[in-house]
Amino acid sequence: MHVAAALSRAGDGGIAAAEAADNVGARIGVGCDLVVVFATADHADEMASIAAAVEARLEPGVIVGAVAQGVVGPDEEVEAGPGVSVWAADLDGAQPQAFRSWSVRTPDGGIAVAGWPDPQLDEVTLVLADPFSFPATEVITRIGDQRPGHRIVGGLVSGGSGQSRLLLDGRIHEDGAVGVVLPAAAVRTIVSHGCRPVGTPLTVTAAERNRILELAGEPATSRLQALLEEVDAQDRELLRTGGLHLGLVVDHQQDHYLTGDFRIRGVLGIDPDAGSITVGDLIEIGQVVQFQVRDGRSATDDLQRRMAGVGPAEGGLLFTCNGRGRRLFGAPDHDVTLVGRELGGPVAGAFCAGEIGPVGDRSELHGFTASVVVLG
């Protein structure tokens, strides 16, 4: 098994793709099993020429990719401006199974998903999904219910509304999802959170869809106000200035919850009159939740802890949140530098509007996380 990756920031998409692919080809040769390509929104309308340039130079068995808000290449994260990253893997003859999936309306007005693969339990599904058209949460939840232990990794990738481009074997799609099924023996997965829990776990005692009305028998906003009064000044400031999130406990059998035991969701609104808190997910009565605070230090500590001892490896793919990068850490290239250092191999990937990866025996759609696919 061998992995190579490269990044180009040339202004022309085709030229950037050619530069990166030539760099990769010099290290891995022609005819590799899998190539993954990401381009920034600056190149949204050039995705066809990007695909052609990469295919002509690397002749891969499968090529998948997408336009993303930002791209990741070896040692560098491109959060603004043009960029094309090319990542290639020789899987020792194992053939990745490519797929294209999309949603369709059913006669009763519901939504069904077509084209999703049927992998073996021990295989890994790598998916790149359009956040505007693909019901990723529903699909991942259904797979978790039907096939516990199967790992789904990847992210929701788009350059923005009207700039979604998904690549699969030379064809460009503007909706749905694309991906590959990988042999599990060669793949490890890691999910690191950018939030840490504060306060105590609370049970939802009243809710309407994504509105939490009561926590532990009291108005949800009363519980939040009590939290603001009990935390220290630093956490109070983070909570007041955009750092407030909610963690939905994944495994309710635990007695104590740590960073990484939650599915993180943003707080979308607070209604003091109704005493409710609106979050970015459907909430069930009886669900255990805990308020979370987002800060760079806890995110760094968690990523270091989860990556420790993982390497050396041939390389990896990194799906990091749009809310991380300079916004969270105040410095460039944070996640790729840490992941690359621990793996000792080339890393590429994308900034996402939601990151997919397993927690326990279920895969989840996360927020403010770094989801890492490790090969070798």
Protein backbone atom coordinates (compact mmCIF):
# COMPACT_ATOMS: atom_id res chain seq x y z
CA MET A 1 0.00 0.00 0.00
CA HIS A 2 1.24 3.47 -0.86
CA VAL A 3 -0.26 6.98 -0.57
CA ALA A 4 0.74 10.28 -2.17
CA ALA A 5 -0.78 13.75 -2.07
CA ALA A 6 -0.12 17.24 -3.39
CA LEU A 7 -1.66 20.70 -3.43
CA SER A 8 -1.59 23.49 -6.00
CA ARG A 9 -2.80 27.06 -5.56
CA ALA A 10 -2.62 28.01 -9.23
CA GLY A 11 -5.44 30.32 -10.32
CA ASP A 12 -6.54 28.15 -13.24
CA GLY A 13 -8.26 24.93 -12.12
CA GLY A 14 -6.94 22.74 -14.92
CA ILE A 15 -3.38 23.94 -14.40
CA ALA A 16 -3.66 23.48 -10.63
CA ALA A 17 -4.97 19.94 -11.07
CA ALA A 18 -2.19 19.12 -13.56
CA GLU A 19 0.49 20.43 -11.20
CA ALA A 20 -0.83 18.48 -8.24
CA ALA A 21 -1.41 15.30 -10.26
CA ASP A 22 2.10 15.45 -11.76
CA ASN A 23 3.51 15.76 -8.25
CA VAL A 24 1.47 12.79 -7.06
CA GLY A 25 2.31 10.74 -10.16
CA ALA A 26 6.02 11.21 -9.58
CA ARG A 27 5.59 9.52 -6.19
CA ILE A 28 2.98 6.84 -6.81
CA GLY A 29 3.08 6.24 -10.56
CA VAL A 30 0.22 5.70 -13.00
CA GLY A 31 -2.72 3.36 -12.50
CA CYS A 32 -3.34 3.71 -8.77
CA ASP A 33 -6.53 2.28 -7.31
CA LEU A 34 -8.12 5.44 -5.88
CA VAL A 35 -7.79 9.20 -6.33
CA VAL A 36 -9.64 11.78 -4.22
CA VAL A 37 -9.73 15.38 -5.50
CA PHE A 38 -10.91 18.54 -3.76
CA ALA A 39 -11.15 22.05 -5.20
CA THR A 40 -12.15 25.36 -3.65
CA ALA A 41 -15.22 27.27 -4.82
CA ASP A 42 -12.95 29.43 -7.00
CA HIS A 43 -12.78 26.39 -9.29
CA ALA A 44 -16.44 25.32 -9.11
CA ASP A 45 -17.02 25.85 -12.82
CA GLU A 46 -13.73 24.15 -13.74
CA MET A 47 -14.40 20.79 -12.13
CA ALA A 48 -14.64 18.99 -15.48
CA SER A 49 -11.22 20.22 -16.59
CA ILE A 50 -9.82 19.37 -13.14
CA ALA A 51 -11.11 15.82 -13.45
CA ALA A 52 -9.75 15.46 -16.98
CA ALA A 53 -6.30 16.67 -15.98
CA VAL A 54 -6.09 14.26 -13.04
CA GLU A 55 -7.42 11.26 -14.97
CA ALA A 56 -5.07 11.83 -17.87
CA ARG A 57 -2.01 11.90 -15.60
CA LEU A 58 -2.87 9.23 -13.02
CA GLU A 59 -5.29 6.85 -14.81
CA PRO A 60 -6.86 5.75 -11.52
CA GLY A 61 -9.23 2.85 -11.04
CA VAL A 62 -11.68 5.20 -9.30
CA ILE A 63 -11.70 8.97 -8.94
CA VAL A 64 -14.02 10.83 -6.55
CA GLY A 65 -14.00 14.42 -5.42
CA ALA A 66 -15.88 17.60 -4.71
CA VAL A 67 -15.81 21.36 -4.49
CA ALA A 68 -15.44 22.44 -0.87
CA GLN A 69 -15.32 25.70 1.05
CA GLY A 70 -11.65 25.01 1.73
CA VAL A 71 -9.19 22.27 0.84
CA VAL A 72 -6.42 20.47 2.67
CA GLY A 73 -3.10 19.39 1.22
CA PRO A 74 0.13 18.14 2.75
CA ASP A 75 1.07 20.56 5.55
CA GLU A 76 -1.37 23.25 4.35
CA GLU A 77 -5.02 24.22 4.75
CA VAL A 78 -6.46 26.55 2.12
CA GLU A 79 -9.28 28.48 3.77
CA ALA A 80 -9.50 31.28 1.20
CA GLY A 81 -8.49 31.64 -2.43
CA PRO A 82 -7.96 28.99 -5.11
CA GLY A 83 -6.70 25.53 -4.32
CA VAL A 84 -6.79 21.97 -5.68
CA SER A 85 -5.64 18.96 -3.65
CA VAL A 86 -5.03 15.52 -5.14
CA TRP A 87 -4.70 12.42 -2.96
CA ALA A 88 -3.97 8.97 -4.40
CA ALA A 89 -3.71 5.48 -2.94
CA ASP A 90 -2.43 2.17 -4.21
CA LEU A 91 -4.50 -0.36 -2.24
CA ASP A 92 -2.44 -3.44 -3.17
CA GLY A 93 -4.98 -4.56 -5.70
CA ALA A 94 -8.08 -4.09 -3.56
CA GLN A 95 -10.72 -2.49 -5.75
CA PRO A 96 -12.76 0.32 -4.17
CA GLN A 97 -16.44 0.15 -5.14
CA ALA A 98 -17.62 3.53 -6.41
CA PHE A 99 -21.20 4.70 -5.98
CA ARG A 100 -23.49 7.66 -6.66
CA SER A 101 -26.51 8.20 -4.41
CA TRP A 102 -29.40 10.65 -4.58
CA SER A 103 -32.80 11.30 -2.99
CA VAL A 104 -36.16 10.91 -4.73
CA ARG A 105 -39.73 11.81 -3.79
CA THR A 106 -42.03 8.89 -3.06
CA PRO A 107 -45.71 8.82 -4.11
CA ASP A 108 -46.78 9.51 -0.52
CA GLY A 109 -44.68 12.67 -0.36
CA GLY A 110 -41.77 11.15 1.53
CA ILE A 111 -38.13 10.88 0.53
CA ALA A 112 -36.30 7.73 -0.52
CA VAL A 113 -32.60 7.33 -1.24
CA ALA A 114 -31.36 5.57 -4.35
CA GLY A 115 -27.91 4.30 -5.20
CA TRP A 116 -26.59 3.82 -1.65
CA PRO A 117 -24.24 0.81 -1.54
CA ASP A 118 -24.70 -2.42 0.41
CA PRO A 119 -21.24 -3.03 1.85
CA GLN A 120 -20.09 -5.81 4.13
CA LEU A 121 -20.13 -5.00 7.82
CA ASP A 122 -16.35 -4.81 8.05
CA GLU A 123 -15.94 -2.54 5.01
CA VAL A 124 -15.79 1.26 5.25
CA THR A 125 -18.00 3.64 3.27
CA LEU A 126 -16.32 6.91 2.32
CA VAL A 127 -18.94 9.47 1.25
CA LEU A 128 -18.90 13.06 -0.03
CA ALA A 129 -22.41 14.51 0.18
CA ASP A 130 -24.04 17.75 -0.90
CA PRO A 131 -25.51 19.39 2.24
CA PHE A 132 -28.32 21.08 0.29
CA SER A 133 -29.85 18.06 -1.42
CA PHE A 134 -28.83 14.85 0.35
CA PRO A 135 -30.51 13.67 3.59
CA ALA A 136 -27.24 12.61 5.19
CA THR A 137 -28.50 12.56 8.78
CA GLU A 138 -31.41 10.26 7.94
CA VAL A 139 -29.24 7.91 5.86
CA ILE A 140 -26.52 7.63 8.48
CA THR A 141 -29.05 7.11 11.28
CA ARG A 142 -30.80 4.38 9.30
CA ILE A 143 -27.53 2.57 8.60
CA GLY A 144 -26.65 2.81 12.29
CA ASP A 145 -29.97 1.20 13.21
CA GLN A 146 -29.76 -1.53 10.58
CA ARG A 147 -26.06 -2.30 10.65
CA PRO A 148 -24.34 -1.35 13.93
CA GLY A 149 -20.58 -1.45 13.58
CA HIS A 150 -20.43 -0.42 9.93
CA ARG A 151 -18.26 2.67 9.57
CA ILE A 152 -19.22 5.63 7.39
CA VAL A 153 -16.69 8.45 7.04
CA GLY A 154 -16.45 11.66 5.01
CA GLY A 155 -18.30 14.93 5.06
CA LEU A 156 -20.85 17.36 3.67
CA VAL A 157 -18.93 19.28 1.01
CA SER A 158 -19.93 22.32 -1.02
CA GLY A 159 -18.53 25.63 -2.10
CA GLY A 160 -21.84 27.21 -1.09
CA SER A 161 -25.36 27.47 -2.45
CA GLY A 162 -25.22 26.92 -6.20
CA GLN A 163 -21.59 25.81 -6.04
CA SER A 164 -22.00 22.14 -5.22
CA ARG A 165 -19.96 19.91 -7.52
CA LEU A 166 -19.41 16.21 -6.93
CA LEU A 167 -17.02 14.19 -9.06
CA LEU A 168 -17.23 10.48 -9.81
CA ASP A 169 -15.18 8.87 -12.56
CA GLY A 170 -15.18 11.89 -14.86
CA ARG A 171 -18.83 12.87 -14.37
CA ILE A 172 -19.85 15.99 -12.46
CA HIS A 173 -23.02 16.03 -10.33
CA GLU A 174 -24.60 19.01 -8.60
CA ASP A 175 -26.59 17.10 -6.01
CA GLY A 176 -26.71 13.89 -4.02
CA ALA A 177 -23.61 12.07 -2.88
CA VAL A 178 -20.65 10.16 -4.29
CA GLY A 179 -18.24 7.81 -2.59
CA VAL A 180 -16.41 4.52 -2.44
CA VAL A 181 -16.52 1.40 -0.32
CA LEU A 182 -13.07 0.50 1.02
CA PRO A 183 -11.69 -2.73 2.47
CA ALA A 184 -11.74 -2.37 6.25
CA ALA A 185 -8.44 -4.16 6.89
CA ALA A 186 -6.50 -1.18 5.56
CA VAL A 187 -8.59 1.60 7.11
CA ARG A 188 -8.73 3.13 10.58
CA THR A 189 -11.06 6.00 11.52
CA ILE A 190 -10.74 8.73 14.14
CA VAL A 191 -13.21 11.42 15.20
CA SER A 192 -12.03 14.38 17.29
CA HIS A 193 -14.38 16.98 18.70
CA GLY A 194 -13.93 20.72 18.90
CA CYS A 195 -16.22 21.09 21.91
CA ARG A 196 -16.03 20.02 25.55
CA PRO A 197 -18.92 19.44 27.95
CA VAL A 198 -19.75 21.95 30.69
CA GLY A 199 -22.22 21.67 33.51
CA THR A 200 -23.99 18.35 34.05
CA PRO A 201 -25.90 15.95 31.77
CA LEU A 202 -29.63 16.69 31.61
CA THR A 203 -32.59 14.66 30.42
CA VAL A 204 -35.01 16.22 27.93
CA THR A 205 -38.46 16.14 29.54
CA ALA A 206 -40.38 18.13 26.90
CA ALA A 207 -39.58 18.81 23.26
CA GLU A 208 -41.16 19.64 19.88
CA ARG A 209 -39.08 18.52 16.91
CA ASN A 210 -35.84 20.52 17.27
CA ARG A 211 -37.06 22.73 20.14
CA ILE A 212 -36.14 21.71 23.67
CA LEU A 213 -38.87 22.96 26.01
CA GLU A 214 -37.77 21.40 29.29
CA LEU A 215 -34.56 19.96 30.73
CA ALA A 216 -34.90 17.85 33.89
CA GLY A 217 -38.40 19.24 34.46
CA GLU A 218 -37.48 22.91 34.18
CA PRO A 219 -37.66 25.35 31.25
CA ALA A 220 -34.61 24.80 29.05
CA THR A 221 -33.58 28.44 29.28
CA SER A 222 -33.64 28.26 33.09
CA ARG A 223 -31.12 25.43 32.96
CA LEU A 224 -28.97 27.44 30.59
CA GLN A 225 -29.10 30.48 32.86
CA ALA A 226 -28.07 28.33 35.82
CA LEU A 227 -25.12 27.06 33.79
CA LEU A 228 -24.00 30.60 32.98
CA GLU A 229 -24.00 31.41 36.68
CA GLU A 230 -21.97 28.35 37.72
CA VAL A 231 -19.16 28.25 35.13
CA ASP A 232 -15.97 30.29 35.45
CA ALA A 233 -15.51 33.66 33.76
CA GLN A 234 -13.62 32.25 30.77
CA ASP A 235 -16.28 29.67 29.92
CA ARG A 236 -19.03 32.22 30.54
CA GLU A 237 -17.49 34.52 27.95
CA LEU A 238 -17.14 31.69 25.44
CA LEU A 239 -20.77 30.70 25.96
CA ARG A 240 -21.97 34.27 25.51
CA THR A 241 -19.92 34.96 22.36
CA GLY A 242 -20.88 32.12 20.06
CA GLY A 243 -19.24 29.15 21.76
CA LEU A 244 -22.51 27.58 22.99
CA HIS A 245 -23.44 24.19 21.55
CA LEU A 246 -25.38 21.16 22.68
CA GLY A 247 -24.10 17.59 22.89
CA LEU A 248 -26.50 14.70 22.36
CA VAL A 249 -25.25 11.64 24.23
CA VAL A 250 -24.53 8.74 21.88
CA ASP A 251 -24.32 5.90 24.43
CA HIS A 252 -26.86 6.32 27.23
CA GLN A 253 -25.47 3.36 29.18
CA GLN A 254 -22.50 5.37 30.43
CA ASP A 255 -22.53 7.02 33.86
CA HIS A 256 -20.08 9.78 32.96
CA TYR A 257 -19.58 11.53 29.64
CA LEU A 258 -16.37 12.93 28.22
CA THR A 259 -15.41 14.90 25.11
CA GLY A 260 -16.15 12.58 22.20
CA ASP A 261 -19.19 10.90 23.76
CA PHE A 262 -21.59 13.33 22.07
CA ARG A 263 -23.10 14.25 18.75
CA ILE A 264 -22.51 18.02 18.67
CA ARG A 265 -25.24 20.32 17.40
CA GLY A 266 -25.37 24.10 17.16
CA VAL A 267 -27.81 26.18 19.18
CA LEU A 268 -29.95 27.95 16.58
CA GLY A 269 -32.12 30.05 18.85
CA ILE A 270 -33.07 30.86 22.44
CA ASP A 271 -36.60 32.00 23.32
CA PRO A 272 -36.74 33.32 26.90
CA ASP A 273 -40.50 33.87 26.72
CA ALA A 274 -41.21 30.25 25.77
CA GLY A 275 -38.28 28.96 27.81
CA SER A 276 -37.10 26.95 24.79
CA ILE A 277 -33.81 26.30 23.03
CA THR A 278 -33.75 25.39 19.33
CA VAL A 279 -30.94 23.16 18.07
CA GLY A 280 -29.86 21.72 14.75
CA ASP A 281 -31.33 18.23 15.18
CA LEU A 282 -34.55 16.46 16.05
CA ILE A 283 -34.82 15.95 19.81
CA GLU A 284 -36.62 13.13 21.60
CA ILE A 285 -38.08 13.16 25.09
CA GLY A 286 -35.83 11.11 27.35
CA GLN A 287 -32.69 11.99 25.41
CA VAL A 288 -29.68 12.94 27.53
CA VAL A 289 -27.91 16.14 26.54
CA GLN A 290 -25.18 18.36 27.90
CA PHE A 291 -24.23 21.92 27.05
CA GLN A 292 -20.89 22.28 25.28
CA VAL A 293 -18.36 25.06 24.88
CA ARG A 294 -16.16 25.40 21.82
CA ASP A 295 -12.55 26.52 22.18
CA GLY A 296 -9.24 25.91 20.47
CA ARG A 297 -7.40 24.51 23.46
CA SER A 298 -9.83 21.67 24.15
CA ALA A 299 -10.03 20.89 20.43
CA THR A 300 -6.23 20.67 20.21
CA ASP A 301 -5.99 18.48 23.31
CA ASP A 302 -8.64 16.08 22.03
CA LEU A 303 -7.08 15.76 18.57
CA GLN A 304 -3.64 15.14 20.07
CA ARG A 305 -5.03 12.50 22.41
CA ARG A 306 -6.89 10.65 19.68
CA MET A 307 -4.01 10.76 17.20
CA ALA A 308 -1.36 9.68 19.71
CA GLY A 309 0.11 6.33 18.72
CA VAL A 310 -1.90 6.03 15.48
CA GLY A 311 1.16 6.39 13.25
CA PRO A 312 3.26 5.65 11.46
CA ALA A 313 0.86 5.20 8.54
CA GLU A 314 0.95 5.48 4.77
CA GLY A 315 -1.28 8.57 4.80
CA GLY A 316 -4.70 9.90 5.59
CA LEU A 317 -7.75 11.89 4.56
CA LEU A 318 -8.87 14.74 6.80
CA PHE A 319 -12.43 16.10 6.93
CA THR A 320 -12.40 19.15 9.17
CA CYS A 321 -15.19 21.55 10.04
CA ASN A 322 -15.62 24.94 8.36
CA GLY A 323 -15.71 26.34 11.90
CA ARG A 324 -12.24 25.09 12.76
CA GLY A 325 -9.10 26.39 11.00
CA ARG A 326 -8.03 29.94 11.78
CA ARG A 327 -11.45 30.75 13.22
CA LEU A 328 -11.00 28.33 16.08
CA PHE A 329 -7.25 28.07 16.51
CA GLY A 330 -6.11 31.55 15.51
CA ALA A 331 -3.33 30.11 13.36
CA PRO A 332 -3.14 28.42 9.94
CA ASP A 333 -2.81 24.70 9.15
CA HIS A 334 -3.61 23.46 12.65
CA ASP A 335 -5.37 20.16 12.01
CA VAL A 336 -3.34 18.98 9.02
CA THR A 337 -0.07 19.77 10.80
CA LEU A 338 -1.02 17.74 13.87
CA VAL A 339 -2.51 14.83 11.90
CA GLY A 340 0.38 14.74 9.42
CA ARG A 341 2.96 14.78 12.20
CA GLU A 342 1.36 11.83 13.96
CA LEU A 343 0.81 9.78 10.80
CA GLY A 344 4.16 10.50 9.18
CA GLY A 345 2.49 10.23 5.76
CA PRO A 346 0.78 12.62 3.33
CA VAL A 347 -2.60 14.06 4.31
CA ALA A 348 -5.22 15.78 2.15
CA GLY A 349 -8.91 16.53 2.51
CA ALA A 350 -11.52 19.24 2.78
CA PHE A 351 -13.33 21.68 5.03
CA CYS A 352 -16.90 20.47 5.56
CA ALA A 353 -20.32 21.66 6.67
CA GLY A 354 -20.67 18.47 8.71
CA GLU A 355 -18.20 15.67 9.31
CA ILE A 356 -19.07 11.98 9.27
CA GLY A 357 -17.40 9.36 11.41
CA PRO A 358 -18.04 6.61 13.95
CA VAL A 359 -18.52 7.05 17.67
CA GLY A 360 -18.82 3.67 19.33
CA ASP A 361 -20.60 1.25 17.02
CA ARG A 362 -22.52 3.93 15.11
CA SER A 363 -21.48 6.52 12.59
CA GLU A 364 -22.79 10.03 13.14
CA LEU A 365 -22.96 13.39 11.39
CA HIS A 366 -20.92 15.72 13.59
CA GLY A 367 -20.19 19.43 13.85
CA PHE A 368 -16.91 21.20 14.72
CA THR A 369 -15.03 17.91 14.46
CA ALA A 370 -12.07 16.53 12.58
CA SER A 371 -12.81 13.12 11.05
CA VAL A 372 -9.70 11.27 9.91
CA VAL A 373 -9.33 8.26 7.62
CA VAL A 374 -6.01 6.51 8.17
CA LEU A 375 -4.55 4.09 5.62
CA GLY A 376 -1.84 1.60 6.48
